[in-house]
Amino acid sequence: MRVDYDELKKTVLALTEGETDTVSLMATLACEVHHSDDRFDWTGFYRVVGPELLKIGPYQGGHGCLVIPFTRGVCGAAARSREVQLVADVEAFEGHIACATSTRSELVLPVVNRKGDLLGVFDLDSDLPDAFTPEDADVIAALLATVFAEAA
């Protein structure tokens, strides 16, 4: 099953309308995005909890890493640079953290509110190589910007 982004956007916006609590928004997005596409084996958030430090937030799938410094891994790179990380082959990413040995490709997007505060990163992992496209990145980034605009 491939994601229908128009349907996903409608569902997510309906579920999150008026909500500003960051964890509630993260939990809802992790669930809805995870179940929208068979490529998504692990879908979740890492929250900024201190200077240069991410901790696991709401997610769907197997266990994740509990703590990720900004200096390590694909999630750290997305947090540090505030840029989308689209990684076709995690083995080729220097400093990749293997939270799950089955992961072959990854898409990580920074999560920023309207004030410019970095709230965390949204991490999508796939057991398939080269599973994510620039379209996935663009559409999910736009959805995150809308949903987290007013989050604290």
N, C-alpha and C. Protein backbone atom coordinates (compact mmCIF):
# COMPACT_ATOMS: atom_id res chain seq x y z
N MET A 1 0.85 -1.18 0.00
CA MET A 1 0.00 0.00 0.00
C MET A 1 0.89 1.25 0.00
N ARG A 2 0.62 2.16 -0.92
CA ARG A 2 1.34 3.42 -1.02
C ARG A 2 0.47 4.53 -0.44
N VAL A 3 1.09 5.48 0.21
CA VAL A 3 0.38 6.58 0.85
C VAL A 3 -0.38 7.42 -0.18
N ASP A 4 -1.58 7.81 0.20
CA ASP A 4 -2.36 8.80 -0.54
C ASP A 4 -2.21 10.09 0.26
N TYR A 5 -1.30 10.95 -0.19
CA TYR A 5 -0.97 12.14 0.60
C TYR A 5 -2.15 13.09 0.77
N ASP A 6 -3.02 13.19 -0.21
CA ASP A 6 -4.19 14.07 -0.05
C ASP A 6 -5.08 13.57 1.09
N GLU A 7 -5.31 12.26 1.12
CA GLU A 7 -6.13 11.66 2.17
C GLU A 7 -5.44 11.77 3.53
N LEU A 8 -4.14 11.51 3.56
CA LEU A 8 -3.38 11.62 4.82
C LEU A 8 -3.45 13.03 5.38
N LYS A 9 -3.27 14.01 4.52
CA LYS A 9 -3.31 15.41 4.96
C LYS A 9 -4.68 15.75 5.55
N LYS A 10 -5.76 15.36 4.86
CA LYS A 10 -7.12 15.62 5.36
C LYS A 10 -7.33 14.99 6.74
N THR A 11 -6.91 13.74 6.87
CA THR A 11 -7.09 13.02 8.14
C THR A 11 -6.31 13.69 9.26
N VAL A 12 -5.03 13.96 9.02
CA VAL A 12 -4.18 14.55 10.04
C VAL A 12 -4.69 15.93 10.45
N LEU A 13 -5.05 16.75 9.49
CA LEU A 13 -5.54 18.09 9.82
C LEU A 13 -6.85 18.04 10.60
N ALA A 14 -7.72 17.10 10.26
CA ALA A 14 -8.96 16.95 11.02
C ALA A 14 -8.69 16.51 12.46
N LEU A 15 -7.76 15.58 12.63
CA LEU A 15 -7.45 15.06 13.97
C LEU A 15 -6.72 16.06 14.85
N THR A 16 -5.95 16.96 14.24
CA THR A 16 -5.09 17.85 15.03
C THR A 16 -5.62 19.28 15.10
N GLU A 17 -6.75 19.54 14.49
CA GLU A 17 -7.28 20.90 14.46
C GLU A 17 -7.40 21.49 15.86
N GLY A 18 -6.79 22.65 16.06
CA GLY A 18 -6.87 23.35 17.34
C GLY A 18 -5.90 22.84 18.40
N GLU A 19 -5.21 21.76 18.15
CA GLU A 19 -4.28 21.19 19.15
C GLU A 19 -2.92 21.88 19.05
N THR A 20 -2.34 22.24 20.19
CA THR A 20 -1.03 22.87 20.21
C THR A 20 -0.02 22.09 21.04
N ASP A 21 -0.47 21.05 21.74
CA ASP A 21 0.45 20.26 22.57
C ASP A 21 1.37 19.44 21.66
N THR A 22 2.66 19.64 21.81
CA THR A 22 3.64 19.01 20.93
C THR A 22 3.58 17.49 20.98
N VAL A 23 3.51 16.91 22.16
CA VAL A 23 3.52 15.44 22.27
C VAL A 23 2.24 14.85 21.67
N SER A 24 1.11 15.48 21.90
CA SER A 24 -0.13 15.00 21.30
C SER A 24 -0.07 15.03 19.78
N LEU A 25 0.48 16.10 19.24
CA LEU A 25 0.63 16.21 17.79
C LEU A 25 1.58 15.15 17.26
N MET A 26 2.69 14.95 17.96
CA MET A 26 3.67 13.94 17.54
C MET A 26 3.05 12.55 17.54
N ALA A 27 2.31 12.22 18.58
CA ALA A 27 1.70 10.90 18.69
C ALA A 27 0.72 10.66 17.54
N THR A 28 -0.08 11.66 17.23
CA THR A 28 -1.07 11.53 16.17
C THR A 28 -0.39 11.37 14.81
N LEU A 29 0.60 12.20 14.53
CA LEU A 29 1.29 12.09 13.24
C LEU A 29 2.03 10.78 13.11
N ALA A 30 2.72 10.34 14.15
CA ALA A 30 3.46 9.08 14.08
C ALA A 30 2.52 7.94 13.71
N CYS A 31 1.37 7.89 14.34
CA CYS A 31 0.40 6.83 14.08
C CYS A 31 -0.14 6.91 12.67
N GLU A 32 -0.63 8.06 12.27
CA GLU A 32 -1.27 8.20 10.96
C GLU A 32 -0.29 7.98 9.81
N VAL A 33 0.90 8.55 9.91
CA VAL A 33 1.89 8.38 8.84
C VAL A 33 2.35 6.93 8.77
N HIS A 34 2.63 6.33 9.92
CA HIS A 34 3.13 4.95 9.95
C HIS A 34 2.18 3.99 9.25
N HIS A 35 0.91 4.13 9.50
CA HIS A 35 -0.07 3.20 8.96
C HIS A 35 -0.55 3.55 7.55
N SER A 36 0.03 4.61 6.97
CA SER A 36 -0.41 5.05 5.64
C SER A 36 0.36 4.41 4.50
N ASP A 37 1.49 3.72 4.80
CA ASP A 37 2.35 3.23 3.72
C ASP A 37 3.17 2.04 4.21
N ASP A 38 3.20 0.99 3.42
CA ASP A 38 3.94 -0.22 3.79
C ASP A 38 5.45 -0.01 3.83
N ARG A 39 5.95 1.05 3.23
CA ARG A 39 7.39 1.32 3.26
C ARG A 39 7.86 1.75 4.64
N PHE A 40 6.96 2.28 5.45
CA PHE A 40 7.32 2.87 6.73
C PHE A 40 7.37 1.81 7.82
N ASP A 41 8.58 1.34 8.16
CA ASP A 41 8.74 0.30 9.17
C ASP A 41 8.88 0.86 10.58
N TRP A 42 9.43 2.05 10.70
CA TRP A 42 9.54 2.74 11.99
C TRP A 42 9.28 4.20 11.70
N THR A 43 8.36 4.77 12.44
CA THR A 43 7.94 6.14 12.21
C THR A 43 7.81 6.83 13.56
N GLY A 44 8.60 7.86 13.78
CA GLY A 44 8.48 8.50 15.08
C GLY A 44 9.29 9.78 15.21
N PHE A 45 9.20 10.31 16.39
CA PHE A 45 9.82 11.60 16.69
C PHE A 45 10.92 11.45 17.73
N TYR A 46 11.92 12.27 17.57
CA TYR A 46 12.92 12.50 18.61
C TYR A 46 12.78 13.96 19.00
N ARG A 47 12.57 14.20 20.30
CA ARG A 47 12.31 15.54 20.82
C ARG A 47 13.59 16.21 21.30
N VAL A 48 13.69 17.52 21.08
CA VAL A 48 14.79 18.29 21.65
C VAL A 48 14.49 18.44 23.14
N VAL A 49 15.41 17.94 23.98
CA VAL A 49 15.21 17.99 25.44
C VAL A 49 16.30 18.77 26.15
N GLY A 50 17.30 19.21 25.45
CA GLY A 50 18.39 19.97 26.03
C GLY A 50 19.28 20.46 24.93
N PRO A 51 20.32 21.18 25.29
CA PRO A 51 21.25 21.65 24.27
C PRO A 51 21.85 20.48 23.49
N GLU A 52 21.62 20.48 22.18
CA GLU A 52 22.23 19.48 21.29
C GLU A 52 21.85 18.04 21.65
N LEU A 53 20.63 17.84 22.20
CA LEU A 53 20.26 16.50 22.65
C LEU A 53 18.81 16.17 22.26
N LEU A 54 18.66 14.99 21.64
CA LEU A 54 17.34 14.46 21.29
C LEU A 54 17.03 13.24 22.15
N LYS A 55 15.77 13.10 22.54
CA LYS A 55 15.30 11.89 23.21
C LYS A 55 14.06 11.40 22.49
N ILE A 56 13.87 10.10 22.54
CA ILE A 56 12.77 9.48 21.82
C ILE A 56 11.43 10.05 22.28
N GLY A 57 10.56 10.22 21.31
CA GLY A 57 9.21 10.68 21.57
C GLY A 57 8.23 9.65 21.05
N PRO A 58 7.01 10.05 20.77
CA PRO A 58 6.02 9.12 20.27
C PRO A 58 6.47 8.46 18.96
N TYR A 59 6.22 7.16 18.85
CA TYR A 59 6.60 6.43 17.64
C TYR A 59 5.74 5.20 17.44
N GLN A 60 5.87 4.62 16.24
CA GLN A 60 5.21 3.38 15.87
C GLN A 60 6.29 2.46 15.30
N GLY A 61 6.26 1.20 15.65
CA GLY A 61 7.25 0.25 15.17
C GLY A 61 8.01 -0.34 16.35
N GLY A 62 9.11 -1.01 16.05
CA GLY A 62 9.94 -1.60 17.10
C GLY A 62 10.62 -0.52 17.94
N HIS A 63 11.46 -0.97 18.87
CA HIS A 63 12.12 0.01 19.75
C HIS A 63 12.99 0.97 18.95
N GLY A 64 13.24 2.11 19.52
CA GLY A 64 14.14 3.10 18.92
C GLY A 64 15.25 3.42 19.90
N CYS A 65 16.21 4.18 19.44
CA CYS A 65 17.27 4.65 20.34
C CYS A 65 16.64 5.63 21.33
N LEU A 66 17.09 5.59 22.57
CA LEU A 66 16.51 6.47 23.58
C LEU A 66 17.06 7.88 23.52
N VAL A 67 18.36 8.00 23.27
CA VAL A 67 19.03 9.31 23.28
C VAL A 67 19.91 9.42 22.04
N ILE A 68 19.83 10.57 21.37
CA ILE A 68 20.69 10.83 20.21
C ILE A 68 21.23 12.25 20.32
N PRO A 69 22.55 12.38 20.45
CA PRO A 69 23.12 13.73 20.42
C PRO A 69 23.08 14.29 19.00
N PHE A 70 23.05 15.60 18.88
CA PHE A 70 23.03 16.25 17.57
C PHE A 70 24.25 15.85 16.74
N THR A 71 25.30 15.38 17.37
CA THR A 71 26.55 15.06 16.67
C THR A 71 26.54 13.67 16.04
N ARG A 72 25.47 12.87 16.25
CA ARG A 72 25.47 11.49 15.77
C ARG A 72 24.26 11.17 14.91
N GLY A 73 24.48 10.36 13.91
CA GLY A 73 23.40 9.76 13.14
C GLY A 73 22.67 10.70 12.21
N VAL A 74 21.71 10.13 11.52
CA VAL A 74 20.89 10.87 10.56
C VAL A 74 19.98 11.85 11.31
N CYS A 75 19.42 11.42 12.43
CA CYS A 75 18.57 12.31 13.23
C CYS A 75 19.36 13.49 13.77
N GLY A 76 20.56 13.22 14.26
CA GLY A 76 21.42 14.31 14.74
C GLY A 76 21.75 15.29 13.64
N ALA A 77 22.02 14.78 12.43
CA ALA A 77 22.33 15.65 11.29
C ALA A 77 21.14 16.54 10.94
N ALA A 78 19.93 15.98 10.97
CA ALA A 78 18.74 16.78 10.67
C ALA A 78 18.53 17.86 11.73
N ALA A 79 18.76 17.51 13.00
CA ALA A 79 18.59 18.49 14.08
C ALA A 79 19.67 19.58 13.99
N ARG A 80 20.89 19.17 13.77
CA ARG A 80 22.03 20.08 13.73
C ARG A 80 21.92 21.06 12.56
N SER A 81 21.56 20.55 11.38
CA SER A 81 21.52 21.37 10.17
C SER A 81 20.16 22.01 9.92
N ARG A 82 19.12 21.44 10.57
CA ARG A 82 17.73 21.84 10.31
C ARG A 82 17.37 21.62 8.85
N GLU A 83 17.98 20.61 8.25
CA GLU A 83 17.70 20.26 6.86
C GLU A 83 17.22 18.82 6.77
N VAL A 84 16.35 18.55 5.80
CA VAL A 84 15.85 17.21 5.56
C VAL A 84 17.02 16.30 5.18
N GLN A 85 17.03 15.10 5.76
CA GLN A 85 18.03 14.09 5.44
C GLN A 85 17.32 12.95 4.72
N LEU A 86 17.60 12.78 3.44
CA LEU A 86 17.02 11.72 2.62
C LEU A 86 18.16 10.75 2.31
N VAL A 87 18.16 9.60 2.99
CA VAL A 87 19.28 8.68 2.93
C VAL A 87 18.83 7.38 2.27
N ALA A 88 19.33 7.14 1.06
CA ALA A 88 18.95 5.95 0.29
C ALA A 88 19.56 4.68 0.86
N ASP A 89 20.76 4.80 1.47
CA ASP A 89 21.47 3.64 2.01
C ASP A 89 22.12 4.05 3.33
N VAL A 90 21.54 3.63 4.44
CA VAL A 90 22.05 4.05 5.74
C VAL A 90 23.48 3.57 5.99
N GLU A 91 23.87 2.47 5.36
CA GLU A 91 25.23 1.97 5.54
C GLU A 91 26.26 2.93 4.96
N ALA A 92 25.85 3.75 4.00
CA ALA A 92 26.75 4.71 3.38
C ALA A 92 26.77 6.06 4.10
N PHE A 93 25.94 6.21 5.14
CA PHE A 93 25.87 7.47 5.89
C PHE A 93 26.86 7.40 7.03
N GLU A 94 27.89 8.22 6.97
CA GLU A 94 28.92 8.20 8.02
C GLU A 94 28.31 8.57 9.37
N GLY A 95 28.52 7.72 10.36
CA GLY A 95 28.01 7.96 11.70
C GLY A 95 26.59 7.48 11.91
N HIS A 96 26.04 6.71 10.96
CA HIS A 96 24.68 6.19 11.13
C HIS A 96 24.58 5.38 12.42
N ILE A 97 23.50 5.57 13.15
CA ILE A 97 23.23 4.81 14.36
C ILE A 97 22.22 3.73 14.01
N ALA A 98 22.58 2.48 14.22
CA ALA A 98 21.69 1.37 13.88
C ALA A 98 20.80 1.04 15.06
N CYS A 99 19.71 1.78 15.22
CA CYS A 99 18.75 1.47 16.28
C CYS A 99 18.06 0.15 15.97
N ALA A 100 17.85 -0.11 14.68
CA ALA A 100 17.30 -1.39 14.21
C ALA A 100 18.19 -1.87 13.07
N THR A 101 18.70 -3.07 13.18
CA THR A 101 19.62 -3.58 12.17
C THR A 101 18.95 -3.81 10.83
N SER A 102 17.62 -3.86 10.79
CA SER A 102 16.90 -4.10 9.54
C SER A 102 16.76 -2.85 8.68
N THR A 103 16.99 -1.67 9.25
CA THR A 103 16.80 -0.42 8.51
C THR A 103 17.79 -0.30 7.37
N ARG A 104 17.27 0.03 6.18
CA ARG A 104 18.11 0.19 4.98
C ARG A 104 18.12 1.62 4.45
N SER A 105 17.01 2.35 4.65
CA SER A 105 16.95 3.74 4.20
C SER A 105 16.17 4.56 5.21
N GLU A 106 16.36 5.88 5.14
CA GLU A 106 15.81 6.73 6.18
C GLU A 106 15.48 8.11 5.62
N LEU A 107 14.42 8.70 6.16
CA LEU A 107 14.03 10.07 5.86
C LEU A 107 13.81 10.75 7.20
N VAL A 108 14.57 11.82 7.45
CA VAL A 108 14.45 12.54 8.72
C VAL A 108 14.24 14.02 8.41
N LEU A 109 13.21 14.58 9.05
CA LEU A 109 12.83 15.97 8.80
C LEU A 109 12.84 16.76 10.10
N PRO A 110 13.42 17.97 10.10
CA PRO A 110 13.35 18.81 11.30
C PRO A 110 11.92 19.26 11.54
N VAL A 111 11.55 19.39 12.80
CA VAL A 111 10.21 19.85 13.19
C VAL A 111 10.40 21.20 13.89
N VAL A 112 9.86 22.24 13.25
CA VAL A 112 10.06 23.61 13.73
C VAL A 112 8.70 24.29 13.83
N ASN A 113 8.49 25.07 14.88
CA ASN A 113 7.24 25.82 14.98
C ASN A 113 7.38 27.16 14.26
N ARG A 114 6.29 27.91 14.24
CA ARG A 114 6.26 29.19 13.52
C ARG A 114 7.29 30.18 14.07
N LYS A 115 7.61 30.08 15.37
CA LYS A 115 8.60 30.98 15.98
C LYS A 115 10.03 30.60 15.61
N GLY A 116 10.19 29.44 14.97
CA GLY A 116 11.53 29.01 14.59
C GLY A 116 12.20 28.10 15.60
N ASP A 117 11.46 27.70 16.65
CA ASP A 117 12.02 26.79 17.64
C ASP A 117 12.09 25.38 17.07
N LEU A 118 13.24 24.73 17.21
CA LEU A 118 13.38 23.33 16.82
C LEU A 118 12.77 22.47 17.91
N LEU A 119 11.68 21.77 17.58
CA LEU A 119 10.98 20.93 18.56
C LEU A 119 11.54 19.51 18.56
N GLY A 120 12.08 19.09 17.43
CA GLY A 120 12.60 17.74 17.31
C GLY A 120 12.79 17.38 15.86
N VAL A 121 12.83 16.07 15.60
CA VAL A 121 12.91 15.57 14.22
C VAL A 121 11.90 14.45 14.05
N PHE A 122 11.43 14.30 12.83
CA PHE A 122 10.50 13.23 12.47
C PHE A 122 11.29 12.23 11.64
N ASP A 123 11.34 10.99 12.11
CA ASP A 123 12.20 9.96 11.54
C ASP A 123 11.35 8.86 10.93
N LEU A 124 11.56 8.58 9.65
CA LEU A 124 10.90 7.46 8.97
C LEU A 124 11.98 6.50 8.51
N ASP A 125 11.88 5.25 8.92
CA ASP A 125 12.84 4.21 8.54
C ASP A 125 12.13 3.18 7.67
N SER A 126 12.89 2.62 6.74
CA SER A 126 12.37 1.54 5.90
C SER A 126 13.37 0.41 5.84
N ASP A 127 12.85 -0.81 5.79
CA ASP A 127 13.70 -1.99 5.61
C ASP A 127 14.07 -2.17 4.14
N LEU A 128 13.56 -1.30 3.27
CA LEU A 128 13.87 -1.34 1.84
C LEU A 128 14.93 -0.31 1.52
N PRO A 129 15.88 -0.63 0.66
CA PRO A 129 16.84 0.39 0.24
C PRO A 129 16.16 1.44 -0.64
N ASP A 130 16.61 2.67 -0.55
CA ASP A 130 16.13 3.75 -1.41
C ASP A 130 14.61 3.84 -1.44
N ALA A 131 13.99 3.76 -0.26
CA ALA A 131 12.53 3.69 -0.17
C ALA A 131 11.84 5.05 -0.29
N PHE A 132 12.56 6.12 0.01
CA PHE A 132 11.93 7.44 0.10
C PHE A 132 12.28 8.31 -1.10
N THR A 133 11.35 9.17 -1.46
CA THR A 133 11.52 10.04 -2.61
C THR A 133 11.55 11.51 -2.18
N PRO A 134 12.03 12.38 -3.05
CA PRO A 134 11.94 13.81 -2.74
C PRO A 134 10.48 14.25 -2.53
N GLU A 135 9.53 13.62 -3.24
CA GLU A 135 8.12 13.95 -3.03
C GLU A 135 7.70 13.64 -1.60
N ASP A 136 8.11 12.46 -1.09
CA ASP A 136 7.81 12.12 0.30
C ASP A 136 8.32 13.24 1.22
N ALA A 137 9.57 13.64 1.00
CA ALA A 137 10.18 14.66 1.85
C ALA A 137 9.42 15.98 1.77
N ASP A 138 9.08 16.42 0.56
CA ASP A 138 8.40 17.71 0.38
C ASP A 138 7.00 17.71 1.01
N VAL A 139 6.25 16.66 0.77
CA VAL A 139 4.87 16.61 1.26
C VAL A 139 4.85 16.49 2.79
N ILE A 140 5.70 15.65 3.34
CA ILE A 140 5.73 15.48 4.79
C ILE A 140 6.26 16.75 5.46
N ALA A 141 7.25 17.40 4.87
CA ALA A 141 7.76 18.66 5.43
C ALA A 141 6.66 19.71 5.48
N ALA A 142 5.87 19.82 4.43
CA ALA A 142 4.77 20.79 4.41
C ALA A 142 3.72 20.45 5.47
N LEU A 143 3.43 19.17 5.63
CA LEU A 143 2.46 18.75 6.64
C LEU A 143 2.97 19.07 8.05
N LEU A 144 4.25 18.80 8.30
CA LEU A 144 4.83 19.12 9.61
C LEU A 144 4.76 20.61 9.88
N ALA A 145 5.07 21.43 8.89
CA ALA A 145 5.05 22.89 9.07
C ALA A 145 3.65 23.37 9.43
N THR A 146 2.63 22.79 8.82
CA THR A 146 1.26 23.17 9.11
C THR A 146 0.84 22.72 10.51
N VAL A 147 1.09 21.46 10.82
CA VAL A 147 0.62 20.87 12.07
C VAL A 147 1.33 21.47 13.28
N PHE A 148 2.63 21.74 13.17
CA PHE A 148 3.40 22.21 14.32
C PHE A 148 3.57 23.72 14.38
N ALA A 149 2.90 24.46 13.51
CA ALA A 149 3.06 25.91 13.45
C ALA A 149 2.84 26.57 14.82
N GLU A 150 1.81 26.15 15.53
CA GLU A 150 1.46 26.78 16.82
C GLU A 150 1.92 25.96 18.03
N ALA A 151 2.66 24.89 17.81
CA ALA A 151 3.11 24.05 18.93
C ALA A 151 4.12 24.79 19.79
N ALA A 152 4.10 24.44 21.05
CA ALA A 152 5.00 25.11 22.00
C ALA A 152 6.29 24.34 22.17
